[in-house]
Amino acid sequence: MTVTGGAAATLGRLRADGDVPVDISRVPAREAAERELSDPKYHQNDPNLLQRGLDRFWEWLDDLFGAASGATPGGVLGLVVIVLLVAALVAALWWRLGTPRRAPGTTGDSLFADGPRTARDHRTAAARHASAGRWNEAVQERMRAIVRSLEERTLLEPRPGRTADEAAAEAGRTLPSHADELRLAARTFDDVTYGGRTADEPAYRRVQELDTALERTRPTLDSASTGAPA
């Protein structure tokens, strides 16, 4: 066993004083060596905790890819081909389905996000967007005009945080002859607002025609139980 540093110096002094070699057992020798090697001067150039963690991560990643390439037909080339195919499949699904759609009623899905405005204000904004070919914004503003108009006519009770789907469901009970069109308009609103879809002119015209039709519709006494008729 080789003893360095302070342990060696201690043994040297014992030998010189008594001129008789001192036999130190294995455990004390090891402890003396450990105390000597724990001196910070021997660890000045050691990697820090972050560097050691990164080294372990890259070793793990290398082992992982090595194992995967060994189990994949064609080795590394086969693994690369599989990764590219998976990436292409994910991109195709994203393009086909659009941005994942949030469930109605979750936080941030409120129909009115910019404070109270009248139905006329929303219709004016919708017409302005439509004339510029901004069909997404035109659909959104026209749907808001529909709901605000029903609130102004007391066919819907004003309620902060209401979603387009909730408004369509409530209005459909008051105006059952337009329930299907209201659900379709709410779905179009959700598609362009949360689903990453793009509206076109026919989609906007359908919502516009619904708005006009609702303005001419009067609820029956039975269906107007949730609000007073205009």
C-alpha atoms as a PDB file:
ATOM      1  CA  MET A   1       0.000   0.000   0.000  1.00  0.00           C
ATOM      2  CA  THR A   2       1.274   3.445  -0.871  1.00  0.00           C
ATOM      3  CA  VAL A   3       0.636   6.273   1.619  1.00  0.00           C
ATOM      4  CA  THR A   4       1.058   9.840   0.381  1.00  0.00           C
ATOM      5  CA  GLY A   5       1.194  13.355   1.749  1.00  0.00           C
ATOM      6  CA  GLY A   6       0.621  13.814   5.491  1.00  0.00           C
ATOM      7  CA  ALA A   7       0.407  10.067   6.184  1.00  0.00           C
ATOM      8  CA  ALA A   8       3.819   9.508   4.615  1.00  0.00           C
ATOM      9  CA  ALA A   9       5.301  12.401   6.611  1.00  0.00           C
ATOM     10  CA  THR A  10       3.861  10.954   9.826  1.00  0.00           C
ATOM     11  CA  LEU A  11       5.387   7.538   9.126  1.00  0.00           C
ATOM     12  CA  GLY A  12       8.693   9.219   8.338  1.00  0.00           C
ATOM     13  CA  ARG A  13       8.749  10.998  11.707  1.00  0.00           C
ATOM     14  CA  LEU A  14       7.883   7.827  13.603  1.00  0.00           C
ATOM     15  CA  ARG A  15      10.700   5.954  11.879  1.00  0.00           C
ATOM     16  CA  ALA A  16      13.199   8.729  12.545  1.00  0.00           C
ATOM     17  CA  ASP A  17      12.353   9.124  16.236  1.00  0.00           C
ATOM     18  CA  GLY A  18      12.555   5.502  17.275  1.00  0.00           C
ATOM     19  CA  ASP A  19      14.537   4.193  14.329  1.00  0.00           C
ATOM     20  CA  VAL A  20      12.049   1.346  14.378  1.00  0.00           C
ATOM     21  CA  PRO A  21       9.494   0.933  11.603  1.00  0.00           C
ATOM     22  CA  VAL A  22       5.943   1.388  12.820  1.00  0.00           C
ATOM     23  CA  ASP A  23       3.430  -0.979  11.339  1.00  0.00           C
ATOM     24  CA  ILE A  24       0.123   0.855  10.828  1.00  0.00           C
ATOM     25  CA  SER A  25      -2.919  -1.337  10.207  1.00  0.00           C
ATOM     26  CA  ARG A  26      -4.934  -1.022   7.002  1.00  0.00           C
ATOM     27  CA  VAL A  27      -7.886   0.924   8.437  1.00  0.00           C
ATOM     28  CA  PRO A  28      -5.894   3.762  10.067  1.00  0.00           C
ATOM     29  CA  ALA A  29      -3.759   4.018   6.925  1.00  0.00           C
ATOM     30  CA  ARG A  30      -6.808   4.337   4.734  1.00  0.00           C
ATOM     31  CA  GLU A  31      -8.331   6.970   7.010  1.00  0.00           C
ATOM     32  CA  ALA A  32      -5.077   8.933   6.985  1.00  0.00           C
ATOM     33  CA  ALA A  33      -4.996   8.807   3.183  1.00  0.00           C
ATOM     34  CA  GLU A  34      -8.630   9.913   2.942  1.00  0.00           C
ATOM     35  CA  ARG A  35      -7.991  12.864   5.245  1.00  0.00           C
ATOM     36  CA  GLU A  36      -5.043  13.875   3.146  1.00  0.00           C
ATOM     37  CA  LEU A  37      -6.922  13.558  -0.149  1.00  0.00           C
ATOM     38  CA  SER A  38      -9.884  15.558   1.214  1.00  0.00           C
ATOM     39  CA  ASP A  39      -7.665  18.639   1.242  1.00  0.00           C
ATOM     40  CA  PRO A  40      -9.307  21.212  -1.135  1.00  0.00           C
ATOM     41  CA  LYS A  41      -6.024  21.735  -2.954  1.00  0.00           C
ATOM     42  CA  TYR A  42      -6.502  18.347  -4.635  1.00  0.00           C
ATOM     43  CA  HIS A  43      -9.961  19.312  -5.981  1.00  0.00           C
ATOM     44  CA  GLN A  44      -9.411  22.776  -7.420  1.00  0.00           C
ATOM     45  CA  ASN A  45      -9.815  21.560 -11.008  1.00  0.00           C
ATOM     46  CA  ASP A  46     -12.740  19.168 -10.424  1.00  0.00           C
ATOM     47  CA  PRO A  47     -15.883  19.835 -12.571  1.00  0.00           C
ATOM     48  CA  ASN A  48     -18.716  21.605 -10.773  1.00  0.00           C
ATOM     49  CA  LEU A  49     -22.120  20.040 -10.054  1.00  0.00           C
ATOM     50  CA  LEU A  50     -23.680  21.319 -13.277  1.00  0.00           C
ATOM     51  CA  GLN A  51     -20.845  19.977 -15.406  1.00  0.00           C
ATOM     52  CA  ARG A  52     -21.043  16.597 -13.709  1.00  0.00           C
ATOM     53  CA  GLY A  53     -24.806  16.512 -14.284  1.00  0.00           C
ATOM     54  CA  LEU A  54     -24.396  17.363 -17.971  1.00  0.00           C
ATOM     55  CA  ASP A  55     -21.729  14.695 -18.363  1.00  0.00           C
ATOM     56  CA  ARG A  56     -24.060  12.112 -16.841  1.00  0.00           C
ATOM     57  CA  PHE A  57     -26.925  13.257 -19.101  1.00  0.00           C
ATOM     58  CA  TRP A  58     -24.881  12.990 -22.290  1.00  0.00           C
ATOM     59  CA  GLU A  59     -23.627   9.572 -21.228  1.00  0.00           C
ATOM     60  CA  TRP A  60     -27.226   8.453 -20.641  1.00  0.00           C
ATOM     61  CA  LEU A  61     -28.348   9.892 -23.990  1.00  0.00           C
ATOM     62  CA  ASP A  62     -25.496   8.183 -25.803  1.00  0.00           C
ATOM     63  CA  ASP A  63     -26.378   4.859 -24.158  1.00  0.00           C
ATOM     64  CA  LEU A  64     -30.045   5.336 -25.066  1.00  0.00           C
ATOM     65  CA  PHE A  65     -29.376   6.017 -28.740  1.00  0.00           C
ATOM     66  CA  GLY A  66     -26.866   3.216 -28.821  1.00  0.00           C
ATOM     67  CA  ALA A  67     -29.418   0.751 -27.491  1.00  0.00           C
ATOM     68  CA  ALA A  68     -32.139   2.076 -29.828  1.00  0.00           C
ATOM     69  CA  SER A  69     -29.926   1.895 -32.906  1.00  0.00           C
ATOM     70  CA  GLY A  70     -28.883  -1.632 -31.953  1.00  0.00           C
ATOM     71  CA  ALA A  71     -32.517  -2.740 -31.725  1.00  0.00           C
ATOM     72  CA  THR A  72     -33.592  -0.945 -34.928  1.00  0.00           C
ATOM     73  CA  PRO A  73     -33.228  -2.590 -38.349  1.00  0.00           C
ATOM     74  CA  GLY A  74     -30.579  -0.682 -40.231  1.00  0.00           C
ATOM     75  CA  GLY A  75     -28.843   0.639 -37.131  1.00  0.00           C
ATOM     76  CA  VAL A  76     -28.432   4.393 -36.771  1.00  0.00           C
ATOM     77  CA  LEU A  77     -29.769   5.072 -40.286  1.00  0.00           C
ATOM     78  CA  GLY A  78     -32.918   3.087 -39.542  1.00  0.00           C
ATOM     79  CA  LEU A  79     -33.428   5.006 -36.296  1.00  0.00           C
ATOM     80  CA  VAL A  80     -33.109   8.341 -38.133  1.00  0.00           C
ATOM     81  CA  VAL A  81     -35.671   7.228 -40.730  1.00  0.00           C
ATOM     82  CA  ILE A  82     -38.142   6.234 -38.007  1.00  0.00           C
ATOM     83  CA  VAL A  83     -37.718   9.580 -36.216  1.00  0.00           C
ATOM     84  CA  LEU A  84     -38.346  11.460 -39.472  1.00  0.00           C
ATOM     85  CA  LEU A  85     -41.451   9.389 -40.209  1.00  0.00           C
ATOM     86  CA  VAL A  86     -42.858  10.078 -36.747  1.00  0.00           C
ATOM     87  CA  ALA A  87     -42.163  13.821 -37.145  1.00  0.00           C
ATOM     88  CA  ALA A  88     -43.900  13.825 -40.533  1.00  0.00           C
ATOM     89  CA  LEU A  89     -46.924  12.025 -39.070  1.00  0.00           C
ATOM     90  CA  VAL A  90     -47.212  14.546 -36.218  1.00  0.00           C
ATOM     91  CA  ALA A  91     -46.968  17.455 -38.686  1.00  0.00           C
ATOM     92  CA  ALA A  92     -49.669  15.918 -40.898  1.00  0.00           C
ATOM     93  CA  LEU A  93     -52.028  15.438 -37.953  1.00  0.00           C
ATOM     94  CA  TRP A  94     -51.397  18.998 -36.764  1.00  0.00           C
ATOM     95  CA  TRP A  95     -52.152  20.349 -40.241  1.00  0.00           C
ATOM     96  CA  ARG A  96     -55.283  18.213 -40.600  1.00  0.00           C
ATOM     97  CA  LEU A  97     -56.754  18.772 -37.142  1.00  0.00           C
ATOM     98  CA  GLY A  98     -55.411  22.246 -36.379  1.00  0.00           C
ATOM     99  CA  THR A  99     -54.457  23.552 -32.967  1.00  0.00           C
ATOM    100  CA  PRO A 100     -55.979  21.427 -30.198  1.00  0.00           C
ATOM    101  CA  ARG A 101     -59.327  22.908 -29.317  1.00  0.00           C
ATOM    102  CA  ARG A 102     -60.020  23.834 -25.742  1.00  0.00           C
ATOM    103  CA  ALA A 103     -63.154  22.524 -24.094  1.00  0.00           C
ATOM    104  CA  PRO A 104     -65.942  25.098 -23.895  1.00  0.00           C
ATOM    105  CA  GLY A 105     -66.278  26.760 -20.537  1.00  0.00           C
ATOM    106  CA  THR A 106     -62.596  26.761 -19.625  1.00  0.00           C
ATOM    107  CA  THR A 107     -60.931  29.904 -18.357  1.00  0.00           C
ATOM    108  CA  GLY A 108     -60.221  32.395 -21.146  1.00  0.00           C
ATOM    109  CA  ASP A 109     -63.057  31.164 -23.455  1.00  0.00           C
ATOM    110  CA  SER A 110     -65.343  34.088 -22.705  1.00  0.00           C
ATOM    111  CA  LEU A 111     -67.238  35.331 -25.751  1.00  0.00           C
ATOM    112  CA  PHE A 112     -66.603  38.989 -24.920  1.00  0.00           C
ATOM    113  CA  ALA A 113     -62.944  39.644 -24.202  1.00  0.00           C
ATOM    114  CA  ASP A 114     -62.746  43.416 -24.665  1.00  0.00           C
ATOM    115  CA  GLY A 115     -65.377  44.860 -22.351  1.00  0.00           C
ATOM    116  CA  PRO A 116     -69.029  45.776 -22.947  1.00  0.00           C
ATOM    117  CA  ARG A 117     -70.037  46.964 -26.423  1.00  0.00           C
ATOM    118  CA  THR A 118     -73.419  47.241 -28.094  1.00  0.00           C
ATOM    119  CA  ALA A 119     -74.718  44.920 -30.791  1.00  0.00           C
ATOM    120  CA  ARG A 120     -74.451  47.822 -33.251  1.00  0.00           C
ATOM    121  CA  ASP A 121     -70.774  48.259 -32.341  1.00  0.00           C
ATOM    122  CA  HIS A 122     -70.082  44.602 -33.022  1.00  0.00           C
ATOM    123  CA  ARG A 123     -71.973  44.678 -36.327  1.00  0.00           C
ATOM    124  CA  THR A 124     -70.011  47.740 -37.436  1.00  0.00           C
ATOM    125  CA  ALA A 125     -66.737  46.007 -36.555  1.00  0.00           C
ATOM    126  CA  ALA A 126     -67.849  42.840 -38.379  1.00  0.00           C
ATOM    127  CA  ALA A 127     -68.691  44.809 -41.530  1.00  0.00           C
ATOM    128  CA  ARG A 128     -65.335  46.566 -41.402  1.00  0.00           C
ATOM    129  CA  HIS A 129     -63.459  43.246 -41.128  1.00  0.00           C
ATOM    130  CA  ALA A 130     -65.562  41.690 -43.893  1.00  0.00           C
ATOM    131  CA  SER A 131     -64.846  44.559 -46.304  1.00  0.00           C
ATOM    132  CA  ALA A 132     -61.122  43.962 -45.699  1.00  0.00           C
ATOM    133  CA  GLY A 133     -61.429  40.204 -46.186  1.00  0.00           C
ATOM    134  CA  ARG A 134     -60.606  39.413 -42.563  1.00  0.00           C
ATOM    135  CA  TRP A 135     -63.183  36.644 -42.290  1.00  0.00           C
ATOM    136  CA  ASN A 136     -62.044  35.235 -38.947  1.00  0.00           C
ATOM    137  CA  GLU A 137     -62.500  38.569 -37.211  1.00  0.00           C
ATOM    138  CA  ALA A 138     -65.742  39.208 -39.113  1.00  0.00           C
ATOM    139  CA  VAL A 139     -67.217  35.899 -37.875  1.00  0.00           C
ATOM    140  CA  GLN A 140     -66.150  36.616 -34.304  1.00  0.00           C
ATOM    141  CA  GLU A 141     -67.679  40.094 -34.249  1.00  0.00           C
ATOM    142  CA  ARG A 142     -70.914  38.960 -35.889  1.00  0.00           C
ATOM    143  CA  MET A 143     -71.357  36.168 -33.347  1.00  0.00           C
ATOM    144  CA  ARG A 144     -70.785  38.680 -30.560  1.00  0.00           C
ATOM    145  CA  ALA A 145     -73.382  40.934 -32.173  1.00  0.00           C
ATOM    146  CA  ILE A 146     -75.905  38.082 -32.116  1.00  0.00           C
ATOM    147  CA  VAL A 147     -75.418  37.375 -28.423  1.00  0.00           C
ATOM    148  CA  ARG A 148     -75.320  41.047 -27.424  1.00  0.00           C
ATOM    149  CA  SER A 149     -78.505  41.705 -29.390  1.00  0.00           C
ATOM    150  CA  LEU A 150     -80.300  38.876 -27.592  1.00  0.00           C
ATOM    151  CA  GLU A 151     -79.114  40.323 -24.277  1.00  0.00           C
ATOM    152  CA  GLU A 152     -80.331  43.784 -25.238  1.00  0.00           C
ATOM    153  CA  ARG A 153     -83.728  42.301 -26.126  1.00  0.00           C
ATOM    154  CA  THR A 154     -83.745  40.498 -22.729  1.00  0.00           C
ATOM    155  CA  LEU A 155     -83.967  37.132 -24.503  1.00  0.00           C
ATOM    156  CA  LEU A 156     -80.708  36.251 -22.792  1.00  0.00           C
ATOM    157  CA  GLU A 157     -79.701  37.331 -19.343  1.00  0.00           C
ATOM    158  CA  PRO A 158     -76.365  39.191 -19.448  1.00  0.00           C
ATOM    159  CA  ARG A 159     -73.744  37.009 -17.815  1.00  0.00           C
ATOM    160  CA  PRO A 160     -69.970  37.671 -17.693  1.00  0.00           C
ATOM    161  CA  GLY A 161     -67.774  34.817 -18.897  1.00  0.00           C
ATOM    162  CA  ARG A 162     -70.434  33.209 -21.093  1.00  0.00           C
ATOM    163  CA  THR A 163     -69.005  31.172 -23.980  1.00  0.00           C
ATOM    164  CA  ALA A 164     -70.378  31.014 -27.517  1.00  0.00           C
ATOM    165  CA  ASP A 165     -71.583  27.439 -26.971  1.00  0.00           C
ATOM    166  CA  GLU A 166     -73.393  28.382 -23.764  1.00  0.00           C
ATOM    167  CA  ALA A 167     -75.032  31.386 -25.426  1.00  0.00           C
ATOM    168  CA  ALA A 168     -76.172  29.263 -28.381  1.00  0.00           C
ATOM    169  CA  ALA A 169     -77.647  26.610 -26.097  1.00  0.00           C
ATOM    170  CA  GLU A 170     -79.531  29.171 -23.988  1.00  0.00           C
ATOM    171  CA  ALA A 171     -80.769  31.134 -27.005  1.00  0.00           C
ATOM    172  CA  GLY A 172     -81.851  27.903 -28.703  1.00  0.00           C
ATOM    173  CA  ARG A 173     -84.271  27.246 -25.848  1.00  0.00           C
ATOM    174  CA  THR A 174     -85.748  30.718 -26.278  1.00  0.00           C
ATOM    175  CA  LEU A 175     -85.780  30.589 -30.092  1.00  0.00           C
ATOM    176  CA  PRO A 176     -86.084  26.870 -30.910  1.00  0.00           C
ATOM    177  CA  SER A 177     -86.661  27.445 -34.627  1.00  0.00           C
ATOM    178  CA  HIS A 178     -83.079  28.773 -34.858  1.00  0.00           C
ATOM    179  CA  ALA A 179     -81.397  26.352 -32.419  1.00  0.00           C
ATOM    180  CA  ASP A 180     -79.479  24.464 -35.121  1.00  0.00           C
ATOM    181  CA  GLU A 181     -78.212  27.646 -36.783  1.00  0.00           C
ATOM    182  CA  LEU A 182     -77.132  29.025 -33.402  1.00  0.00           C
ATOM    183  CA  ARG A 183     -75.137  25.873 -32.622  1.00  0.00           C
ATOM    184  CA  LEU A 184     -73.472  26.011 -36.053  1.00  0.00           C
ATOM    185  CA  ALA A 185     -72.571  29.682 -35.597  1.00  0.00           C
ATOM    186  CA  ALA A 186     -71.083  28.968 -32.152  1.00  0.00           C
ATOM    187  CA  ARG A 187     -69.060  26.078 -33.576  1.00  0.00           C
ATOM    188  CA  THR A 188     -67.719  28.327 -36.348  1.00  0.00           C
ATOM    189  CA  PHE A 189     -66.770  30.934 -33.747  1.00  0.00           C
ATOM    190  CA  ASP A 190     -64.917  28.319 -31.669  1.00  0.00           C
ATOM    191  CA  ASP A 191     -63.140  26.900 -34.733  1.00  0.00           C
ATOM    192  CA  VAL A 192     -61.653  30.231 -35.762  1.00  0.00           C
ATOM    193  CA  THR A 193     -61.022  31.487 -32.219  1.00  0.00           C
ATOM    194  CA  TYR A 194     -59.629  28.400 -30.481  1.00  0.00           C
ATOM    195  CA  GLY A 195     -59.270  25.689 -33.121  1.00  0.00           C
ATOM    196  CA  GLY A 196     -56.808  27.363 -35.476  1.00  0.00           C
ATOM    197  CA  ARG A 197     -59.217  27.165 -38.425  1.00  0.00           C
ATOM    198  CA  THR A 198     -59.676  29.853 -41.083  1.00  0.00           C
ATOM    199  CA  ALA A 199     -63.103  31.205 -41.967  1.00  0.00           C
ATOM    200  CA  ASP A 200     -64.179  32.219 -45.461  1.00  0.00           C
ATOM    201  CA  GLU A 201     -66.835  34.509 -46.874  1.00  0.00           C
ATOM    202  CA  PRO A 202     -69.614  31.857 -46.987  1.00  0.00           C
ATOM    203  CA  ALA A 203     -69.038  31.104 -43.291  1.00  0.00           C
ATOM    204  CA  TYR A 204     -69.358  34.777 -42.451  1.00  0.00           C
ATOM    205  CA  ARG A 205     -72.478  35.205 -44.606  1.00  0.00           C
ATOM    206  CA  ARG A 206     -74.189  32.343 -42.753  1.00  0.00           C
ATOM    207  CA  VAL A 207     -73.596  34.028 -39.407  1.00  0.00           C
ATOM    208  CA  GLN A 208     -74.676  37.377 -40.855  1.00  0.00           C
ATOM    209  CA  GLU A 209     -77.914  35.893 -42.207  1.00  0.00           C
ATOM    210  CA  LEU A 210     -78.613  34.304 -38.831  1.00  0.00           C
ATOM    211  CA  ASP A 211     -78.146  37.672 -37.142  1.00  0.00           C
ATOM    212  CA  THR A 212     -80.612  39.267 -39.542  1.00  0.00           C
ATOM    213  CA  ALA A 213     -83.127  36.454 -39.126  1.00  0.00           C
ATOM    214  CA  LEU A 214     -82.954  36.615 -35.344  1.00  0.00           C
ATOM    215  CA  GLU A 215     -83.651  40.344 -35.456  1.00  0.00           C
ATOM    216  CA  ARG A 216     -86.984  39.578 -37.165  1.00  0.00           C
ATOM    217  CA  THR A 217     -87.885  36.652 -34.926  1.00  0.00           C
ATOM    218  CA  ARG A 218     -90.151  37.014 -31.939  1.00  0.00           C
ATOM    219  CA  PRO A 219     -90.193  34.301 -29.287  1.00  0.00           C
ATOM    220  CA  THR A 220     -93.396  32.530 -28.312  1.00  0.00           C
ATOM    221  CA  LEU A 221     -94.722  32.945 -24.802  1.00  0.00           C
ATOM    222  CA  ASP A 222     -93.694  29.390 -23.808  1.00  0.00           C
ATOM    223  CA  SER A 223     -90.161  29.642 -25.197  1.00  0.00           C
ATOM    224  CA  ALA A 224     -89.519  33.061 -23.667  1.00  0.00           C
ATOM    225  CA  SER A 225     -89.592  31.862 -20.081  1.00  0.00           C
ATOM    226  CA  THR A 226     -85.947  32.794 -19.608  1.00  0.00           C
ATOM    227  CA  GLY A 227     -86.511  36.415 -20.592  1.00  0.00           C
ATOM    228  CA  ALA A 228     -89.196  38.891 -21.505  1.00  0.00           C
ATOM    229  CA  PRO A 229     -90.086  39.259 -25.189  1.00  0.00           C
ATOM    230  CA  ALA A 230     -88.794  42.307 -27.002  1.00  0.00           C
END
